[in-house]
Amino acid sequence: MDLVRVVASLLCLALPAVTLCYAAVCAASPFGTCRRCSGRGRLGTGRGLRSRACRRCDATGIRIRFGRRLFNELARVHRDGTR
């Protein structure tokens, strides 16, 4: 076997494992911390005088993960298509 076939076969084995692990994370914990405010829900002004609510997460400090958003959209399409 040459190196290309070995690498390709390892990638074919690793990709489903990574996908299943990410799906399990999205099912167990569908929300992650907001990247903009680092989960605080508030944004500082730089000088620390006043802070304002984070608009990206609506001051909750959490966001829905991409995999969960994708799952919700696929479930919605399936539900609407089978009615």
Foldseek 3Di string as FASTA:
>chain_A
DDPVVVVVVVCVVVVVVVVVVVVVCCVVPQKDFDPVCQQQQWAAPVVRPDIHGDPVVRSRRIDGDPVNVVVVVVVVVVVVVVD
